[in-house]
Amino acid sequence: MYMIDQGLVRSRQAERLAEADQASRARRVASARRWARRAEQASQRAARASSAVW
């Protein structure tokens, strides 16, 4: 009985680790997209400002 419980605990722990890894990866992707969007907006603002000067 103890071996079955231990195996179950290990499999659940592995599942939780995999879920945490997946969630972390999703957060990194979302953050990268957000920063890329901000950089693009800043680039567009800079281009407009540059063209307004000339």
PDB file of N, CA and C in Angstrom:
ATOM      1  N   MET A   1       0.831  -1.199   0.000  1.00  0.00           N
ATOM      2  CA  MET A   1       0.000   0.000   0.000  1.00  0.00           C
ATOM      3  C   MET A   1       0.869   1.255   0.000  1.00  0.00           C
ATOM      4  N   TYR A   2       1.910   1.242   0.803  1.00  0.00           N
ATOM      5  CA  TYR A   2       2.787   2.413   0.907  1.00  0.00           C
ATOM      6  C   TYR A   2       3.447   2.738  -0.431  1.00  0.00           C
ATOM      7  N   MET A   3       3.858   1.717  -1.168  1.00  0.00           N
ATOM      8  CA  MET A   3       4.517   1.932  -2.458  1.00  0.00           C
ATOM      9  C   MET A   3       3.568   2.569  -3.462  1.00  0.00           C
ATOM     10  N   ILE A   4       2.308   2.168  -3.428  1.00  0.00           N
ATOM     11  CA  ILE A   4       1.311   2.735  -4.342  1.00  0.00           C
ATOM     12  C   ILE A   4       1.110   4.211  -4.011  1.00  0.00           C
ATOM     13  N   ASP A   5       0.978   4.535  -2.733  1.00  0.00           N
ATOM     14  CA  ASP A   5       0.804   5.928  -2.309  1.00  0.00           C
ATOM     15  C   ASP A   5       2.006   6.774  -2.708  1.00  0.00           C
ATOM     16  N   GLN A   6       3.193   6.215  -2.512  1.00  0.00           N
ATOM     17  CA  GLN A   6       4.408   6.949  -2.855  1.00  0.00           C
ATOM     18  C   GLN A   6       4.477   7.201  -4.362  1.00  0.00           C
ATOM     19  N   GLY A   7       4.113   6.215  -5.144  1.00  0.00           N
ATOM     20  CA  GLY A   7       4.090   6.378  -6.604  1.00  0.00           C
ATOM     21  C   GLY A   7       3.088   7.435  -7.025  1.00  0.00           C
ATOM     22  N   LEU A   8       1.940   7.439  -6.376  1.00  0.00           N
ATOM     23  CA  LEU A   8       0.904   8.423  -6.686  1.00  0.00           C
ATOM     24  C   LEU A   8       1.376   9.833  -6.345  1.00  0.00           C
ATOM     25  N   VAL A   9       2.015   9.973  -5.196  1.00  0.00           N
ATOM     26  CA  VAL A   9       2.543  11.281  -4.776  1.00  0.00           C
ATOM     27  C   VAL A   9       3.578  11.774  -5.786  1.00  0.00           C
ATOM     28  N   ARG A  10       4.464  10.879  -6.199  1.00  0.00           N
ATOM     29  CA  ARG A  10       5.487  11.273  -7.168  1.00  0.00           C
ATOM     30  C   ARG A  10       4.878  11.681  -8.501  1.00  0.00           C
ATOM     31  N   SER A  11       3.880  10.945  -8.969  1.00  0.00           N
ATOM     32  CA  SER A  11       3.275  11.295 -10.255  1.00  0.00           C
ATOM     33  C   SER A  11       2.539  12.632 -10.163  1.00  0.00           C
ATOM     34  N   ARG A  12       1.864  12.851  -9.037  1.00  0.00           N
ATOM     35  CA  ARG A  12       1.163  14.138  -8.866  1.00  0.00           C
ATOM     36  C   ARG A  12       2.160  15.285  -8.786  1.00  0.00           C
ATOM     37  N   GLN A  13       3.269  15.058  -8.100  1.00  0.00           N
ATOM     38  CA  GLN A  13       4.291  16.098  -7.993  1.00  0.00           C
ATOM     39  C   GLN A  13       4.867  16.401  -9.374  1.00  0.00           C
ATOM     40  N   ALA A  14       5.100  15.373 -10.167  1.00  0.00           N
ATOM     41  CA  ALA A  14       5.606  15.579 -11.525  1.00  0.00           C
ATOM     42  C   ALA A  14       4.595  16.362 -12.364  1.00  0.00           C
ATOM     43  N   GLU A  15       3.317  16.053 -12.196  1.00  0.00           N
ATOM     44  CA  GLU A  15       2.270  16.797 -12.919  1.00  0.00           C
ATOM     45  C   GLU A  15       2.270  18.264 -12.510  1.00  0.00           C
ATOM     46  N   ARG A  16       2.383  18.514 -11.209  1.00  0.00           N
ATOM     47  CA  ARG A  16       2.388  19.908 -10.729  1.00  0.00           C
ATOM     48  C   ARG A  16       3.608  20.663 -11.245  1.00  0.00           C
ATOM     49  N   LEU A  17       4.755  20.002 -11.267  1.00  0.00           N
ATOM     50  CA  LEU A  17       5.960  20.644 -11.795  1.00  0.00           C
ATOM     51  C   LEU A  17       5.785  20.973 -13.273  1.00  0.00           C
ATOM     52  N   ALA A  18       5.199  20.050 -14.020  1.00  0.00           N
ATOM     53  CA  ALA A  18       4.977  20.288 -15.450  1.00  0.00           C
ATOM     54  C   ALA A  18       4.009  21.448 -15.656  1.00  0.00           C
ATOM     55  N   GLU A  19       2.955  21.499 -14.842  1.00  0.00           N
ATOM     56  CA  GLU A  19       1.987  22.596 -14.952  1.00  0.00           C
ATOM     57  C   GLU A  19       2.634  23.934 -14.607  1.00  0.00           C
ATOM     58  N   ALA A  20       3.453  23.949 -13.579  1.00  0.00           N
ATOM     59  CA  ALA A  20       4.134  25.184 -13.188  1.00  0.00           C
ATOM     60  C   ALA A  20       5.082  25.640 -14.292  1.00  0.00           C
ATOM     61  N   ASP A  21       5.779  24.685 -14.900  1.00  0.00           N
ATOM     62  CA  ASP A  21       6.689  25.016 -15.995  1.00  0.00           C
ATOM     63  C   ASP A  21       5.917  25.594 -17.180  1.00  0.00           C
ATOM     64  N   GLN A  22       4.776  24.993 -17.474  1.00  0.00           N
ATOM     65  CA  GLN A  22       3.951  25.464 -18.582  1.00  0.00           C
ATOM     66  C   GLN A  22       3.418  26.877 -18.301  1.00  0.00           C
ATOM     67  N   ALA A  23       2.970  27.112 -17.085  1.00  0.00           N
ATOM     68  CA  ALA A  23       2.457  28.433 -16.714  1.00  0.00           C
ATOM     69  C   ALA A  23       3.573  29.475 -16.784  1.00  0.00           C
ATOM     70  N   SER A  24       4.754  29.107 -16.329  1.00  0.00           N
ATOM     71  CA  SER A  24       5.890  30.026 -16.381  1.00  0.00           C
ATOM     72  C   SER A  24       6.233  30.381 -17.829  1.00  0.00           C
ATOM     73  N   ARG A  25       6.235  29.375 -18.684  1.00  0.00           N
ATOM     74  CA  ARG A  25       6.526  29.613 -20.095  1.00  0.00           C
ATOM     75  C   ARG A  25       5.470  30.527 -20.726  1.00  0.00           C
ATOM     76  N   ALA A  26       4.202  30.315 -20.379  1.00  0.00           N
ATOM     77  CA  ALA A  26       3.120  31.150 -20.907  1.00  0.00           C
ATOM     78  C   ALA A  26       3.286  32.606 -20.454  1.00  0.00           C
ATOM     79  N   ARG A  27       3.684  32.792 -19.184  1.00  0.00           N
ATOM     80  CA  ARG A  27       3.898  34.161 -18.693  1.00  0.00           C
ATOM     81  C   ARG A  27       5.045  34.838 -19.430  1.00  0.00           C
ATOM     82  N   ARG A  28       6.134  34.086 -19.691  1.00  0.00           N
ATOM     83  CA  ARG A  28       7.269  34.660 -20.412  1.00  0.00           C
ATOM     84  C   ARG A  28       6.882  35.059 -21.830  1.00  0.00           C
ATOM     85  N   VAL A  29       6.091  34.218 -22.499  1.00  0.00           N
ATOM     86  CA  VAL A  29       5.656  34.532 -23.866  1.00  0.00           C
ATOM     87  C   VAL A  29       4.771  35.777 -23.869  1.00  0.00           C
ATOM     88  N   ALA A  30       3.842  35.846 -22.922  1.00  0.00           N
ATOM     89  CA  ALA A  30       2.958  37.008 -22.841  1.00  0.00           C
ATOM     90  C   ALA A  30       3.760  38.272 -22.561  1.00  0.00           C
ATOM     91  N   SER A  31       4.735  38.176 -21.663  1.00  0.00           N
ATOM     92  CA  SER A  31       5.575  39.330 -21.341  1.00  0.00           C
ATOM     93  C   SER A  31       6.396  39.764 -22.549  1.00  0.00           C
ATOM     94  N   ALA A  32       6.933  38.805 -23.284  1.00  0.00           N
ATOM     95  CA  ALA A  32       7.727  39.136 -24.477  1.00  0.00           C
ATOM     96  C   ALA A  32       6.863  39.827 -25.515  1.00  0.00           C
ATOM     97  N   ARG A  33       5.651  39.350 -25.695  1.00  0.00           N
ATOM     98  CA  ARG A  33       4.742  39.997 -26.661  1.00  0.00           C
ATOM     99  C   ARG A  33       4.411  41.413 -26.243  1.00  0.00           C
ATOM    100  N   ARG A  34       4.181  41.590 -24.925  1.00  0.00           N
ATOM    101  CA  ARG A  34       3.851  42.927 -24.403  1.00  0.00           C
ATOM    102  C   ARG A  34       5.018  43.889 -24.637  1.00  0.00           C
ATOM    103  N   TRP A  35       6.244  43.442 -24.333  1.00  0.00           N
ATOM    104  CA  TRP A  35       7.414  44.307 -24.534  1.00  0.00           C
ATOM    105  C   TRP A  35       7.666  44.574 -26.014  1.00  0.00           C
ATOM    106  N   ALA A  36       7.408  43.592 -26.865  1.00  0.00           N
ATOM    107  CA  ALA A  36       7.582  43.815 -28.303  1.00  0.00           C
ATOM    108  C   ALA A  36       6.581  44.855 -28.798  1.00  0.00           C
ATOM    109  N   ARG A  37       5.359  44.797 -28.287  1.00  0.00           N
ATOM    110  CA  ARG A  37       4.340  45.774 -28.673  1.00  0.00           C
ATOM    111  C   ARG A  37       4.732  47.172 -28.199  1.00  0.00           C
ATOM    112  N   ARG A  38       5.235  47.269 -26.969  1.00  0.00           N
ATOM    113  CA  ARG A  38       5.680  48.575 -26.458  1.00  0.00           C
ATOM    114  C   ARG A  38       6.835  49.130 -27.280  1.00  0.00           C
ATOM    115  N   ALA A  39       7.767  48.263 -27.647  1.00  0.00           N
ATOM    116  CA  ALA A  39       8.912  48.708 -28.442  1.00  0.00           C
ATOM    117  C   ALA A  39       8.445  49.194 -29.816  1.00  0.00           C
ATOM    118  N   GLU A  40       7.490  48.488 -30.401  1.00  0.00           N
ATOM    119  CA  GLU A  40       6.969  48.895 -31.707  1.00  0.00           C
ATOM    120  C   GLU A  40       6.267  50.251 -31.606  1.00  0.00           C
ATOM    121  N   GLN A  41       5.497  50.444 -30.559  1.00  0.00           N
ATOM    122  CA  GLN A  41       4.809  51.729 -30.371  1.00  0.00           C
ATOM    123  C   GLN A  41       5.815  52.850 -30.167  1.00  0.00           C
ATOM    124  N   ALA A  42       6.860  52.596 -29.402  1.00  0.00           N
ATOM    125  CA  ALA A  42       7.890  53.618 -29.184  1.00  0.00           C
ATOM    126  C   ALA A  42       8.602  53.937 -30.490  1.00  0.00           C
ATOM    127  N   SER A  43       8.845  52.935 -31.297  1.00  0.00           N
ATOM    128  CA  SER A  43       9.490  53.138 -32.589  1.00  0.00           C
ATOM    129  C   SER A  43       8.607  53.999 -33.502  1.00  0.00           C
ATOM    130  N   GLN A  44       7.328  53.707 -33.490  1.00  0.00           N
ATOM    131  CA  GLN A  44       6.399  54.499 -34.310  1.00  0.00           C
ATOM    132  C   GLN A  44       6.333  55.946 -33.824  1.00  0.00           C
ATOM    133  N   ARG A  45       6.315  56.141 -32.491  1.00  0.00           N
ATOM    134  CA  ARG A  45       6.305  57.497 -31.954  1.00  0.00           C
ATOM    135  C   ARG A  45       7.576  58.256 -32.370  1.00  0.00           C
ATOM    136  N   ALA A  46       8.698  57.567 -32.294  1.00  0.00           N
ATOM    137  CA  ALA A  46       9.963  58.189 -32.672  1.00  0.00           C
ATOM    138  C   ALA A  46       9.966  58.555 -34.159  1.00  0.00           C
ATOM    139  N   ALA A  47       9.406  57.680 -34.987  1.00  0.00           N
ATOM    140  CA  ALA A  47       9.356  57.962 -36.423  1.00  0.00           C
ATOM    141  C   ALA A  47       8.447  59.169 -36.698  1.00  0.00           C
ATOM    142  N   ARG A  48       7.323  59.252 -36.004  1.00  0.00           N
ATOM    143  CA  ARG A  48       6.428  60.404 -36.190  1.00  0.00           C
ATOM    144  C   ARG A  48       7.099  61.686 -35.731  1.00  0.00           C
ATOM    145  N   ALA A  49       7.777  61.631 -34.599  1.00  0.00           N
ATOM    146  CA  ALA A  49       8.456  62.809 -34.079  1.00  0.00           C
ATOM    147  C   ALA A  49       9.557  63.256 -35.034  1.00  0.00           C
ATOM    148  N   SER A  50      10.280  62.289 -35.573  1.00  0.00           N
ATOM    149  CA  SER A  50      11.352  62.596 -36.505  1.00  0.00           C
ATOM    150  C   SER A  50      10.801  63.252 -37.772  1.00  0.00           C
ATOM    151  N   SER A  51       9.686  62.717 -38.277  1.00  0.00           N
ATOM    152  CA  SER A  51       9.134  63.283 -39.498  1.00  0.00           C
ATOM    153  C   SER A  51       8.510  64.654 -39.235  1.00  0.00           C
ATOM    154  N   ALA A  52       8.058  64.908 -38.013  1.00  0.00           N
ATOM    155  CA  ALA A  52       7.472  66.203 -37.676  1.00  0.00           C
ATOM    156  C   ALA A  52       8.571  67.270 -37.632  1.00  0.00           C
ATOM    157  N   VAL A  53       9.777  66.888 -37.254  1.00  0.00           N
ATOM    158  CA  VAL A  53      10.876  67.850 -37.177  1.00  0.00           C
ATOM    159  C   VAL A  53      11.301  68.276 -38.584  1.00  0.00           C
ATOM    160  N   TRP A  54      11.351  67.318 -39.502  1.00  0.00           N
ATOM    161  CA  TRP A  54      11.735  67.658 -40.864  1.00  0.00           C
ATOM    162  C   TRP A  54      10.533  68.144 -41.587  1.00  0.00           C
TER     163      TRP A  54
END
